[in-house]
Protein backbone atom coordinates (compact mmCIF):
# COMPACT_ATOMS: atom_id res chain seq x y z
CA MET A 1 33.21 9.24 19.54
CA PRO A 2 30.82 12.17 19.10
CA GLN A 3 28.77 13.51 21.99
CA VAL A 4 25.19 14.45 21.16
CA GLU A 5 22.87 16.43 23.38
CA ILE A 6 19.32 15.08 23.30
CA ARG A 7 16.24 16.35 25.07
CA ILE A 8 13.70 13.97 26.54
CA GLY A 9 10.74 15.14 28.57
CA GLY A 10 12.19 18.63 28.83
CA ARG A 11 15.49 17.34 30.24
CA ALA A 12 18.85 17.46 28.47
CA PHE A 13 21.17 14.44 28.24
CA ASP A 14 24.66 14.13 26.73
CA VAL A 15 24.99 10.81 24.94
CA ALA A 16 27.95 9.33 23.05
CA CYS A 17 27.45 7.45 19.79
CA GLN A 18 29.45 6.02 16.90
CA ASP A 19 30.55 8.30 14.08
CA GLY A 20 27.75 8.70 11.53
CA GLU A 21 25.03 7.49 13.90
CA GLU A 22 24.10 10.91 15.26
CA HIS A 23 21.01 11.08 13.05
CA PHE A 24 19.73 7.71 14.30
CA LEU A 25 20.34 8.71 17.92
CA LYS A 26 18.46 11.97 17.45
CA SER A 27 15.60 10.13 15.74
CA ALA A 28 15.34 7.58 18.57
CA ALA A 29 15.53 10.38 21.14
CA ALA A 30 12.72 12.23 19.36
CA MET A 31 10.48 9.13 19.61
CA LEU A 32 11.31 8.72 23.30
CA ASP A 33 10.72 12.45 23.87
CA GLU A 34 7.30 12.19 22.20
CA GLU A 35 6.27 9.44 24.62
CA ALA A 36 7.78 11.27 27.62
CA SER A 37 5.99 14.49 26.68
CA ALA A 38 2.69 12.61 26.41
CA LEU A 39 3.31 11.14 29.87
CA SER A 40 4.22 14.52 31.36
CA SER A 41 1.06 16.10 29.96
CA GLN A 42 -1.10 13.30 31.40
CA VAL A 43 0.59 12.65 34.75
CA GLY A 44 2.55 15.82 35.39
CA ARG A 45 6.08 15.99 36.74
CA MET A 46 7.61 12.66 37.75
CA PRO A 47 11.09 11.39 38.63
CA GLU A 48 13.43 11.12 35.66
CA ALA A 49 13.97 7.37 35.98
CA ARG A 50 10.23 6.66 36.14
CA MET A 51 9.52 8.94 33.16
CA LEU A 52 12.19 7.20 31.04
CA LEU A 53 10.98 3.77 32.15
CA MET A 54 7.36 4.52 31.29
CA ALA A 55 8.26 6.15 27.95
CA GLY A 56 10.48 3.18 27.09
CA LEU A 57 7.69 0.75 27.96
CA MET A 58 5.24 2.67 25.78
CA LEU A 59 7.68 2.51 22.86
CA ALA A 60 8.27 -1.20 23.51
CA ASP A 61 4.50 -1.77 23.42
CA LYS A 62 4.23 0.01 20.07
CA THR A 63 7.21 -1.96 18.78
CA ALA A 64 5.64 -5.25 19.88
CA GLY A 65 2.42 -4.34 18.05
CA LEU A 66 4.36 -3.50 14.91
CA GLN A 67 6.34 -6.74 15.20
CA ASP A 68 3.07 -8.69 15.37
CA ARG A 69 1.92 -6.96 12.18
CA VAL A 70 5.25 -7.67 10.48
CA ASN A 71 5.00 -11.35 11.47
CA ALA A 72 1.45 -11.58 10.11
CA LEU A 73 2.47 -9.87 6.85
CA GLU A 74 5.48 -12.16 6.49
CA ALA A 75 3.25 -15.21 6.97
CA ALA A 76 0.79 -13.91 4.36
CA GLU A 77 3.67 -13.17 1.98
CA ALA A 78 5.03 -16.70 2.47
CA LYS A 79 1.61 -18.17 1.61
CA LEU A 80 1.35 -16.01 -1.50
CA GLN A 81 4.91 -16.88 -2.54
CA SER A 82 4.12 -20.57 -2.09
CA ARG A 83 1.03 -20.20 -4.27
CA VAL A 84 3.01 -18.35 -6.95
CA THR A 85 5.62 -21.11 -6.96
CA GLU A 86 2.88 -23.74 -7.19
CA LEU A 87 1.25 -21.98 -10.13
CA GLU A 88 4.55 -21.42 -11.91
CA SER A 89 5.50 -25.09 -11.61
CA ALA A 90 2.10 -26.36 -12.75
CA PRO A 91 2.00 -27.85 -16.25
CA GLU A 92 0.61 -25.75 -19.05
CA PRO A 93 -3.12 -26.32 -19.51
CA GLU A 94 -4.08 -28.41 -22.51
CA ALA A 95 -5.21 -26.52 -25.57
CA ARG A 96 -8.94 -26.61 -26.05
CA LYS A 97 -10.74 -26.33 -29.32
CA VAL A 98 -13.06 -23.37 -29.28
CA GLU A 99 -15.70 -23.10 -31.95
CA VAL A 100 -16.67 -19.62 -33.00
CA PRO A 101 -19.94 -19.27 -34.87
CA VAL A 102 -19.47 -17.95 -38.39
CA ILE A 103 -22.01 -15.59 -39.89
CA PRO A 104 -22.89 -16.77 -43.39
CA SER A 105 -21.85 -14.34 -46.14
CA ASP A 106 -25.40 -14.05 -47.54
CA VAL A 107 -26.56 -12.72 -44.10
CA THR A 108 -23.73 -10.17 -44.11
CA ASP A 109 -24.62 -9.13 -47.67
CA THR A 110 -28.30 -8.75 -46.74
CA LEU A 111 -27.43 -6.60 -43.71
CA ALA A 112 -25.21 -4.37 -45.89
CA GLU A 113 -28.08 -4.00 -48.37
CA ILE A 114 -30.51 -3.05 -45.59
CA ALA A 115 -28.01 -0.49 -44.25
CA ALA A 116 -27.65 1.06 -47.71
CA GLN A 117 -31.42 1.30 -48.10
CA ALA A 118 -31.73 2.90 -44.64
CA GLU A 119 -29.11 5.49 -45.56
CA ALA A 120 -30.91 6.24 -48.82
CA LEU A 121 -34.19 6.73 -46.95
CA ALA A 122 -32.45 8.99 -44.42
CA ASP A 123 -31.08 11.09 -47.28
CA GLU A 124 -34.54 11.39 -48.84
CA VAL A 125 -36.07 12.43 -45.51
CA GLU A 126 -33.32 15.01 -45.01
CA GLU A 127 -33.88 16.46 -48.49
CA ALA A 128 -37.63 16.62 -47.97
CA SER A 129 -37.32 18.36 -44.63
CA SER A 130 -34.88 20.97 -45.91
CA LYS A 131 -37.37 22.14 -48.67
């Protein structure tokens, strides 16, 4: 069982852990050290047991807040999943007949004729202005 030295609040501790869990122990110790350092900077020097207790309580408070958020997100996810299931199991909507207006061909032909005349006029204007 490996021994890992961790530092919390400026104090060193030797802690044993399972093989391969050294990284997790160091990570947890870093979080506890962050809280202990914040306490030390606010309150000053205090007994080791009190510092660890207060730092642990501050971490527990943060954890409780995060757990509340996780619970709320899980409840929202469950509602959304329920709605998805409801929508997926709903029958296909009935096909509706949609009428699209059709432009008569004589209107289309007239518009094409007008466009051709406009282009011809534009060409004439361009020729006249370039002289």
